[in-house]
Amino acid sequence: MDFDGEYHGQNGRIPVRRLFQEDWSGHAHAVARTWDQMGFPYLPDQNGKWEDGYFPITISNVYDRRVSAAIGYLDPATRQRPNLTVQAETQVSEILFDGLQATGVKAVHKGETEEFRAKEVILCTGAIHSPAHLMRNGIGPAGHLRDLGIEVRHALPGVGQNLMEHPAIGLAAFLPPQYRLENRIKRHIHVGLRYSSNIGDAPPGDMFIIQVAKSAWHGVGWRLGSLLMSVYKSYSTGEVKLASRNWRDEPIVDFELCSDRRDLDRMCDAFRRSIQVYKHSNMHGVIETPFPAAYSDKVRAISVVTPRNKWLTRAAGWAMDSNRALRDYMIKNVIAEGPSVDEMEREPDVLEQFMRENVHGIWHASCTNRMGADDDPMAVTTGTGRVRGIGGLRVCDASIMPSVPCANTNGPTLMTAEKIADHILAGE
C-alpha cells in the first residue's frame, strides 16, 4: 500500500503497509535516532533491497485491524461459493485410509462424531499439530510409534523432527508518560533493525531487533517499552512427539532453542548491543530502570485477561507512576527475575545462563514435515506438499518449510499455500 516498483505488487488478498514516523511513539523515535547514530542507515522500505538498516515495520493491517488469512481470502464472494463449506466447532480425531490411500477424516462436531469422505485430505494444522496428526495415524518414526502402541502405516523418520523457531529475548524498561504509546495508535511495534552479526558463517541480515512501545495489554505493560531481539537465521532444531495415542492430548514439544552454539552466541551478542542502545545519550530520560525481560510464570499469570488482573495492574501502574523508589522496587523485586543488566553486561557466564533459561520463540514454529528430494531420508513431503508414500494426503502449512525463513512466517506460509493451490489445480 506504500510502495510500488520491482519489489512490490499492487494486487493480492493481503494489504501490506507501514506506520511512518508521524505515528511513532517517543520511545520509537529515540531508538531510531540511536540506531542512526550507531551507523545504520534508514530504509523506508523493509521489503526493498536486502541490506542492513532500520525501517518502519511492515504489517498486514488496514484500518487498524490485522488482515488474517481468513479475512483476506474468505471474502463474502468466496464464502458464498457452492463448493465451499466452512464448518466451525469441529475437531479432527482421525484420518481415514484405504491401505496407503487417504480417503477422508473422522471429526467431532458439537459433540457428535462425523465422517467426511474426500479424494484428497490436506493438513493445515501447523508445525505442532500436523506432524501429530500424521503420527497418530501411523505415519512417522517407527520406533516412537511402536513405543506408543501405534501400528506403523508408513515409516517416515522425519515426521516431527527438524522443529525450528526464531529464538528471542527482550530488554525492557520503564517509559515516562511523554514517551509512551498514544491512545490513538493501536499498533505497538513501529520500527525494526535488520543487521548482520558477522558471527561464524551466518549470512548477511541474520539478526532482527524490534522496538516495542508497550509490553502487554494491561496497566503495567503500557508503561514498559522494550527491545525484542531475535536470531532470524537460526540453526537450532527440536522435535514434536506424541504424549499418547489419544487425539485429545497435546503433543510434547521441545524447541531446543539456542541448542546450536551459533544461535546462543548471536543472542548474547544481540543483548549486549541492545544494552548499548539503552545506555546511549539519546535514551537518557526516555527510559528508566532497564531490566532483562523474562516470560516467567508470574508474567504469564498476570497476562491472562481477567477483571482481577485488570484492577491489579491498574493499581500497580498508578504506583509505578507515583514514586520512583517504589517503581524501581517493583521492577527489581516483582516484575523482573534473575540478574541485573549490569551483571549480564559484566559477566558473560551470567548472560549466557540467563539466555539458556529464558530464551523463547515468537510464534514461528516450522519445518516438522519438511519437503525434500527423493533421496533425502528425512524428507516428509514433496515440493507439491504430498506426504511421501501416501496417496491423497498433503500438508500445507509452515511445517513443510525446509528451514525457518529469515522473515516472519506469515507471508511465506500464505505464499506456500498459493503455490500448492496451483499444483492442486494442475493435478500435480
Protein backbone atom coordinates (compact mmCIF):
# COMPACT_ATOMS: atom_id res chain seq x y z
CA MET A 1 0.00 0.00 0.00
CA ASP A 2 3.02 2.32 0.48
CA PHE A 3 5.41 1.46 -2.37
CA ASP A 4 5.50 0.43 -5.99
CA GLY A 5 8.37 -0.83 -8.13
CA GLU A 6 10.25 -4.06 -8.78
CA TYR A 7 9.89 -5.43 -5.24
CA HIS A 8 6.14 -4.91 -4.94
CA GLY A 9 2.82 -5.82 -6.48
CA GLN A 10 -0.40 -3.85 -6.31
CA ASN A 11 -2.77 -6.82 -6.24
CA GLY A 12 -3.48 -9.63 -3.83
CA ARG A 13 -5.54 -10.53 -0.81
CA ILE A 14 -3.32 -9.22 1.99
CA PRO A 15 -2.72 -5.45 2.37
CA VAL A 16 0.83 -4.56 3.37
CA ARG A 17 1.60 -1.18 4.91
CA ARG A 18 3.71 0.64 7.49
CA LEU A 19 3.31 3.23 10.22
CA PHE A 20 5.70 6.05 9.35
CA GLN A 21 7.43 8.46 11.73
CA GLU A 22 4.42 10.70 12.40
CA ASP A 23 2.73 7.76 14.13
CA TRP A 24 5.71 6.53 16.13
CA SER A 25 5.90 6.79 19.90
CA GLY A 26 8.59 8.88 21.60
CA HIS A 27 10.35 5.66 22.54
CA ALA A 28 10.42 4.60 18.87
CA HIS A 29 11.87 7.96 17.75
CA ALA A 30 14.63 7.76 20.37
CA VAL A 31 15.56 4.19 19.45
CA ALA A 32 15.62 5.09 15.74
CA ARG A 33 17.89 8.10 16.38
CA THR A 34 20.23 5.87 18.34
CA TRP A 35 20.46 3.25 15.61
CA ASP A 36 21.11 6.05 13.13
CA GLN A 37 23.98 7.41 15.21
CA MET A 38 25.37 3.90 15.56
CA GLY A 39 25.83 3.88 11.80
CA PHE A 40 22.76 2.07 10.50
CA PRO A 41 21.04 3.70 7.51
CA TYR A 42 17.33 4.46 7.40
CA LEU A 43 15.50 2.20 4.93
CA PRO A 44 11.98 3.46 4.14
CA ASP A 45 11.06 0.05 2.76
CA GLN A 46 11.78 -3.07 4.83
CA ASN A 47 10.82 -5.22 1.83
CA GLY A 48 13.03 -3.42 -0.67
CA LYS A 49 16.66 -4.25 -1.39
CA TRP A 50 18.06 -6.66 1.19
CA GLU A 51 20.51 -4.69 3.31
CA ASP A 52 21.21 -3.76 6.90
CA GLY A 53 19.37 -0.80 8.37
CA TYR A 54 16.36 0.37 10.38
CA PHE A 55 12.88 0.84 8.95
CA PRO A 56 9.16 1.17 9.69
CA ILE A 57 7.86 -2.32 10.47
CA THR A 58 5.77 -3.91 7.72
CA ILE A 59 2.30 -5.03 8.84
CA SER A 60 -0.63 -6.84 7.23
CA ASN A 61 -3.05 -4.33 8.65
CA VAL A 62 -5.67 -1.90 7.37
CA TYR A 63 -7.97 0.45 9.30
CA ASP A 64 -6.03 -0.54 12.43
CA ARG A 65 -7.07 -4.18 12.13
CA ARG A 66 -4.91 -7.12 11.18
CA VAL A 67 -5.94 -8.82 7.95
CA SER A 68 -5.73 -12.53 8.68
CA ALA A 69 -5.77 -15.28 6.08
CA ALA A 70 -9.47 -15.81 6.81
CA ILE A 71 -10.30 -12.12 6.33
CA GLY A 72 -8.11 -11.78 3.26
CA TYR A 73 -9.09 -14.93 1.38
CA LEU A 74 -12.53 -15.87 2.67
CA ASP A 75 -14.26 -12.72 1.49
CA PRO A 76 -18.08 -12.66 1.08
CA ALA A 77 -17.95 -13.80 -2.55
CA THR A 78 -15.72 -16.76 -1.68
CA ARG A 79 -17.86 -17.78 1.29
CA GLN A 80 -20.93 -17.90 -0.98
CA ARG A 81 -19.35 -20.34 -3.42
CA PRO A 82 -21.42 -23.57 -3.64
CA ASN A 83 -18.31 -25.78 -3.47
CA LEU A 84 -17.08 -24.39 -0.15
CA THR A 85 -18.28 -25.25 3.34
CA VAL A 86 -16.66 -23.70 6.40
CA GLN A 87 -17.58 -25.76 9.45
CA ALA A 88 -16.66 -24.38 12.86
CA GLU A 89 -16.64 -26.17 16.24
CA THR A 90 -15.12 -29.26 14.60
CA GLN A 91 -12.07 -31.22 15.71
CA VAL A 92 -10.48 -33.89 13.53
CA SER A 93 -9.82 -37.06 15.51
CA GLU A 94 -8.59 -39.39 12.79
CA ILE A 95 -7.55 -39.55 9.13
CA LEU A 96 -9.36 -42.33 7.28
CA PHE A 97 -7.41 -44.65 4.97
CA ASP A 98 -7.81 -47.46 2.50
CA GLY A 99 -4.37 -49.01 2.80
CA LEU A 100 -1.92 -46.21 1.93
CA GLN A 101 -4.61 -44.00 0.40
CA ALA A 102 -6.22 -41.26 2.49
CA THR A 103 -9.98 -41.27 1.93
CA GLY A 104 -11.29 -38.69 4.42
CA VAL A 105 -11.37 -37.73 8.08
CA LYS A 106 -13.33 -38.52 11.20
CA ALA A 107 -14.22 -35.48 13.30
CA VAL A 108 -16.21 -34.43 16.34
CA HIS A 109 -18.71 -31.67 15.60
CA LYS A 110 -20.60 -30.24 18.59
CA GLY A 111 -20.13 -33.49 20.47
CA GLU A 112 -21.19 -35.74 17.59
CA THR A 113 -18.80 -37.88 15.55
CA GLU A 114 -18.97 -37.41 11.79
CA GLU A 115 -17.07 -38.77 8.80
CA PHE A 116 -16.10 -36.70 5.79
CA ARG A 117 -15.02 -38.54 2.64
CA ALA A 118 -12.74 -36.88 0.09
CA LYS A 119 -10.50 -37.55 -2.88
CA GLU A 120 -7.77 -35.62 -1.08
CA VAL A 121 -7.11 -34.60 2.52
CA ILE A 122 -4.98 -31.52 3.21
CA LEU A 123 -3.49 -30.99 6.67
CA CYS A 124 -3.17 -27.29 7.58
CA THR A 125 -2.80 -27.51 11.35
CA GLY A 126 0.66 -26.04 11.73
CA ALA A 127 4.11 -27.27 12.69
CA ILE A 128 2.90 -28.67 16.02
CA HIS A 129 -0.33 -30.43 15.11
CA SER A 130 0.22 -31.51 11.51
CA PRO A 131 3.03 -33.93 12.49
CA ALA A 132 0.94 -35.04 15.47
CA HIS A 133 -1.94 -35.96 13.14
CA LEU A 134 0.41 -37.97 10.94
CA MET A 135 1.97 -39.82 13.85
CA ARG A 136 -1.38 -40.69 15.46
CA ASN A 137 -2.34 -42.24 12.14
CA GLY A 138 0.77 -44.40 11.89
CA ILE A 139 2.93 -42.13 9.71
CA GLY A 140 6.22 -41.17 11.30
CA PRO A 141 9.26 -42.53 13.16
CA ALA A 142 8.64 -46.26 13.52
CA GLY A 143 10.30 -46.63 16.94
CA HIS A 144 8.33 -43.80 18.52
CA LEU A 145 5.04 -45.09 17.11
CA ARG A 146 5.67 -48.64 18.34
CA ASP A 147 6.56 -47.35 21.81
CA LEU A 148 3.05 -45.85 21.98
CA GLY A 149 1.38 -48.95 20.58
CA ILE A 150 0.52 -47.30 17.26
CA GLU A 151 0.58 -49.55 14.23
CA VAL A 152 3.09 -48.25 11.68
CA ARG A 153 1.23 -47.48 8.49
CA HIS A 154 4.22 -45.89 6.77
CA ALA A 155 7.63 -45.20 8.34
CA LEU A 156 8.78 -41.62 7.79
CA PRO A 157 11.54 -40.79 10.29
CA GLY A 158 11.41 -37.04 9.59
CA VAL A 159 7.87 -36.50 10.90
CA GLY A 160 8.07 -34.25 13.96
CA GLN A 161 11.81 -33.70 13.57
CA ASN A 162 13.64 -30.52 12.47
CA LEU A 163 11.36 -28.23 14.52
CA MET A 164 12.62 -24.67 14.05
CA GLU A 165 11.81 -21.25 15.50
CA HIS A 166 13.33 -17.79 15.83
CA PRO A 167 14.85 -17.58 19.34
CA ALA A 168 14.15 -14.25 21.03
CA ILE A 169 14.61 -12.31 24.26
CA GLY A 170 13.68 -8.83 25.44
CA LEU A 171 15.36 -5.92 27.20
CA ALA A 172 12.64 -3.83 28.86
CA ALA A 173 12.48 -0.50 30.67
CA PHE A 174 10.03 1.93 32.27
CA LEU A 175 8.77 4.70 29.99
CA PRO A 176 7.83 8.14 31.35
CA PRO A 177 4.35 9.26 30.17
CA GLN A 178 5.55 11.52 27.33
CA TYR A 179 7.39 8.63 25.62
CA ARG A 180 4.60 6.07 25.75
CA LEU A 181 2.28 4.92 23.02
CA GLU A 182 -0.52 7.38 22.28
CA ASN A 183 -4.07 6.08 22.68
CA ARG A 184 -4.87 6.93 19.06
CA ILE A 185 -2.27 4.41 17.82
CA LYS A 186 -3.18 0.74 18.27
CA ARG A 187 -0.03 -0.79 16.80
CA HIS A 188 2.70 -1.11 19.44
CA ILE A 189 5.64 -2.11 17.19
CA HIS A 190 6.84 0.69 14.93
CA VAL A 191 10.49 0.42 13.97
CA GLY A 192 12.85 -2.50 13.40
CA LEU A 193 16.52 -3.10 12.72
CA ARG A 194 18.00 -5.74 10.43
CA TYR A 195 21.74 -6.24 10.85
CA SER A 196 24.48 -8.73 10.12
CA SER A 197 26.08 -10.32 13.18
CA ASN A 198 29.24 -11.37 11.29
CA ILE A 199 29.49 -14.23 13.76
CA GLY A 200 30.61 -17.55 12.35
CA ASP A 201 29.13 -18.50 8.99
CA ALA A 202 25.89 -16.55 9.44
CA PRO A 203 24.62 -14.89 6.24
CA PRO A 204 24.06 -11.13 5.87
CA GLY A 205 20.98 -9.75 7.63
CA ASP A 206 20.73 -12.67 10.04
CA MET A 207 19.57 -10.61 13.05
CA PHE A 208 16.40 -8.65 13.80
CA ILE A 209 15.55 -6.25 16.65
CA ILE A 210 12.21 -4.52 17.05
CA GLN A 211 11.24 -1.61 19.23
CA VAL A 212 8.16 -2.35 21.32
CA ALA A 213 6.16 0.60 22.65
CA LYS A 214 4.14 -1.40 25.19
CA SER A 215 4.84 -4.82 26.63
CA ALA A 216 1.33 -6.08 27.45
CA TRP A 217 -2.35 -5.19 27.31
CA HIS A 218 -2.60 -4.12 30.94
CA GLY A 219 -1.72 -1.11 33.08
CA VAL A 220 1.84 -2.22 33.76
CA GLY A 221 2.51 -3.25 30.17
CA TRP A 222 1.50 0.20 28.88
CA ARG A 223 4.33 1.65 30.97
CA LEU A 224 7.07 -0.71 29.79
CA GLY A 225 8.83 -0.43 26.45
CA SER A 226 11.39 -2.90 25.18
CA LEU A 227 13.79 -4.05 22.52
CA LEU A 228 12.91 -7.55 21.32
CA MET A 229 15.90 -9.20 19.66
CA SER A 230 15.82 -12.37 17.60
CA VAL A 231 18.07 -14.62 15.53
CA TYR A 232 16.26 -14.63 12.19
CA LYS A 233 18.62 -17.11 10.54
CA SER A 234 18.61 -19.76 13.23
CA TYR A 235 20.15 -23.22 13.22
CA SER A 236 18.84 -24.95 16.36
CA THR A 237 16.30 -27.75 15.85
CA GLY A 238 13.92 -29.53 18.20
CA GLU A 239 11.15 -32.07 17.83
CA VAL A 240 7.46 -32.81 18.25
CA LYS A 241 6.47 -36.17 19.75
CA LEU A 242 3.21 -37.70 20.87
CA ALA A 243 2.38 -37.87 24.56
CA SER A 244 -0.15 -40.65 23.95
CA ARG A 245 -2.34 -42.24 21.29
CA ASN A 246 -5.29 -40.10 22.40
CA TRP A 247 -6.04 -37.39 19.85
CA ARG A 248 -7.24 -35.06 22.60
CA ASP A 249 -3.82 -35.00 24.29
CA GLU A 250 -1.47 -32.21 23.29
CA PRO A 251 1.84 -33.41 21.80
CA ILE A 252 5.18 -32.96 23.52
CA VAL A 253 7.05 -30.01 22.03
CA ASP A 254 10.75 -29.34 22.61
CA PHE A 255 12.09 -26.40 20.60
CA GLU A 256 15.69 -26.77 21.85
CA LEU A 257 16.15 -23.04 21.28
CA CYS A 258 19.80 -21.99 21.22
CA SER A 259 20.96 -25.60 21.39
CA ASP A 260 23.18 -24.70 18.43
CA ARG A 261 26.07 -22.64 19.74
CA ARG A 262 25.81 -20.25 16.78
CA ASP A 263 22.36 -19.18 17.92
CA LEU A 264 23.39 -18.76 21.56
CA ASP A 265 26.43 -16.65 20.68
CA ARG A 266 24.37 -14.32 18.48
CA MET A 267 21.63 -13.93 21.09
CA CYS A 268 24.21 -12.91 23.70
CA ASP A 269 25.79 -10.51 21.24
CA ALA A 270 22.38 -9.00 20.43
CA PHE A 271 21.65 -8.47 24.12
CA ARG A 272 24.95 -6.64 24.60
CA ARG A 273 24.18 -4.47 21.57
CA SER A 274 20.73 -3.67 22.97
CA ILE A 275 22.23 -2.66 26.30
CA GLN A 276 24.39 -0.16 24.43
CA VAL A 277 21.29 1.25 22.74
CA TYR A 278 19.58 1.82 26.08
CA LYS A 279 22.77 3.34 27.54
CA HIS A 280 23.10 5.81 24.65
CA SER A 281 22.70 9.50 25.45
CA ASN A 282 19.62 9.64 23.17
CA MET A 283 17.81 7.38 25.62
CA HIS A 284 18.50 9.46 28.74
CA GLY A 285 15.14 10.42 30.20
CA VAL A 286 13.32 8.25 27.64
CA ILE A 287 13.79 5.01 29.56
CA GLU A 288 14.42 4.25 33.22
CA THR A 289 15.46 1.13 35.13
CA PRO A 290 16.19 -1.26 32.23
CA PHE A 291 15.88 -4.96 33.03
CA PRO A 292 16.03 -8.30 31.19
CA ALA A 293 12.51 -9.37 30.27
CA ALA A 294 11.78 -12.99 31.14
CA TYR A 295 8.42 -14.57 30.33
CA SER A 296 8.18 -16.04 33.81
CA ASP A 297 5.29 -17.84 35.48
CA LYS A 298 4.36 -14.59 37.26
CA VAL A 299 4.27 -12.70 33.96
CA ARG A 300 2.16 -15.43 32.36
CA ALA A 301 -0.30 -15.37 35.24
CA ILE A 302 -0.79 -11.59 35.21
CA SER A 303 -1.10 -11.59 31.39
CA VAL A 304 -4.36 -13.52 31.44
CA VAL A 305 -7.21 -11.10 30.70
CA THR A 306 -9.38 -11.13 33.82
CA PRO A 307 -11.14 -8.40 35.86
CA ARG A 308 -8.80 -9.15 38.77
CA ASN A 309 -5.66 -8.71 36.66
CA LYS A 310 -7.09 -5.54 35.14
CA TRP A 311 -7.54 -3.94 38.54
CA LEU A 312 -4.25 -5.27 39.93
CA THR A 313 -2.22 -3.92 37.02
CA ARG A 314 -4.08 -0.62 37.03
CA ALA A 315 -3.14 -0.14 40.69
CA ALA A 316 0.43 -1.27 40.06
CA GLY A 317 0.72 1.12 37.12
CA TRP A 318 -0.51 4.01 39.23
CA ALA A 319 2.06 3.11 41.89
CA MET A 320 4.86 2.99 39.29
CA ASP A 321 3.98 6.49 38.07
CA SER A 322 3.68 7.98 41.53
CA ASN A 323 7.04 7.19 43.09
CA ARG A 324 10.39 6.31 41.51
CA ALA A 325 11.71 4.42 44.53
CA LEU A 326 8.54 2.34 44.62
CA ARG A 327 8.74 1.81 40.85
CA ASP A 328 12.34 0.61 41.00
CA TYR A 329 11.49 -1.74 43.87
CA MET A 330 8.57 -3.22 41.93
CA ILE A 331 10.65 -3.74 38.80
CA LYS A 332 13.57 -5.34 40.61
CA ASN A 333 11.56 -7.49 43.04
CA VAL A 334 8.21 -8.18 41.37
CA ILE A 335 8.41 -7.75 37.59
CA ALA A 336 11.99 -8.72 36.76
CA GLU A 337 13.54 -12.03 37.71
CA GLY A 338 17.16 -13.04 37.61
CA PRO A 339 20.33 -10.98 37.26
CA SER A 340 20.57 -7.26 36.63
CA VAL A 341 21.56 -5.70 33.32
CA ASP A 342 24.90 -4.64 34.81
CA GLU A 343 25.67 -8.20 35.90
CA MET A 344 24.77 -9.56 32.47
CA GLU A 345 26.95 -6.98 30.74
CA ARG A 346 29.87 -7.56 33.09
CA GLU A 347 29.80 -11.37 33.36
CA PRO A 348 29.46 -13.41 30.13
CA ASP A 349 28.58 -16.60 32.02
CA VAL A 350 25.66 -14.87 33.74
CA LEU A 351 24.34 -13.57 30.42
CA GLU A 352 24.69 -16.98 28.79
CA GLN A 353 22.90 -18.74 31.63
CA PHE A 354 20.03 -16.24 31.57
CA MET A 355 19.73 -16.72 27.83
CA ARG A 356 19.60 -20.51 28.09
CA GLU A 357 16.91 -20.36 30.76
CA ASN A 358 14.71 -17.61 29.30
CA VAL A 359 15.03 -17.58 25.51
CA HIS A 360 11.63 -18.03 23.88
CA GLY A 361 10.07 -18.24 20.44
CA ILE A 362 7.87 -15.76 18.59
CA TRP A 363 5.10 -18.00 17.19
CA HIS A 364 7.15 -19.02 14.14
CA ALA A 365 7.13 -22.81 14.63
CA SER A 366 8.00 -24.55 11.37
CA CYS A 367 9.80 -27.35 9.49
CA THR A 368 8.48 -30.53 11.20
CA ASN A 369 7.20 -32.09 7.93
CA ARG A 370 9.87 -30.62 5.74
CA MET A 371 9.89 -31.05 2.00
CA GLY A 372 12.91 -32.58 0.31
CA ALA A 373 14.29 -34.54 -2.59
CA ASP A 374 13.52 -38.20 -3.28
CA ASP A 375 16.89 -39.31 -1.92
CA ASP A 376 16.51 -37.39 1.37
CA PRO A 377 15.60 -39.95 4.08
CA MET A 378 14.30 -37.23 6.44
CA ALA A 379 12.04 -35.53 3.89
CA VAL A 380 8.36 -35.93 4.77
CA THR A 381 6.74 -34.05 1.89
CA THR A 382 7.41 -33.34 -1.76
CA GLY A 383 7.64 -29.93 -3.38
CA THR A 384 3.89 -30.11 -4.00
CA GLY A 385 3.10 -30.84 -0.34
CA ARG A 386 2.30 -34.53 -0.86
CA VAL A 387 3.16 -36.86 2.01
CA ARG A 388 5.76 -39.29 0.71
CA GLY A 389 4.50 -42.83 0.26
CA ILE A 390 0.86 -41.90 0.95
CA GLY A 391 -1.82 -41.19 -1.65
CA GLY A 392 -4.45 -38.47 -1.32
CA LEU A 393 -2.73 -36.66 1.53
CA ARG A 394 -0.91 -33.32 1.54
CA VAL A 395 0.40 -30.93 4.16
CA CYS A 396 0.12 -27.19 3.53
CA ASP A 397 1.46 -25.05 6.36
CA ALA A 398 4.78 -23.88 7.82
CA SER A 399 5.70 -27.44 8.77
CA ILE A 400 6.77 -28.24 5.19
CA MET A 401 9.41 -25.50 5.06
CA PRO A 402 12.92 -27.00 4.88
CA SER A 403 14.25 -24.34 7.27
CA VAL A 404 12.67 -21.39 9.03
CA PRO A 405 12.83 -18.37 6.70
CA CYS A 406 14.79 -15.25 7.62
CA ALA A 407 11.45 -13.45 7.99
CA ASN A 408 8.14 -13.55 9.78
CA THR A 409 6.47 -16.83 8.76
CA ASN A 410 3.01 -15.42 7.98
CA GLY A 411 3.78 -14.19 4.46
CA PRO A 412 5.87 -17.22 3.46
CA THR A 413 3.09 -19.56 4.67
CA LEU A 414 0.50 -17.76 2.53
CA MET A 415 2.87 -17.89 -0.43
CA THR A 416 3.35 -21.63 0.15
CA ALA A 417 -0.43 -22.13 0.19
CA GLU A 418 -0.90 -20.23 -3.06
CA LYS A 419 1.86 -22.27 -4.72
CA ILE A 420 0.39 -25.59 -3.55
CA ALA A 421 -3.07 -24.47 -4.69
CA ASP A 422 -1.56 -24.05 -8.16
CA HIS A 423 -0.22 -27.62 -8.02
CA ILE A 424 -3.60 -28.94 -6.94
CA LEU A 425 -5.37 -27.17 -9.80
CA ALA A 426 -2.77 -28.59 -12.20
CA GLY A 427 -3.39 -32.11 -10.89
CA GLU A 428 0.17 -32.48 -9.63
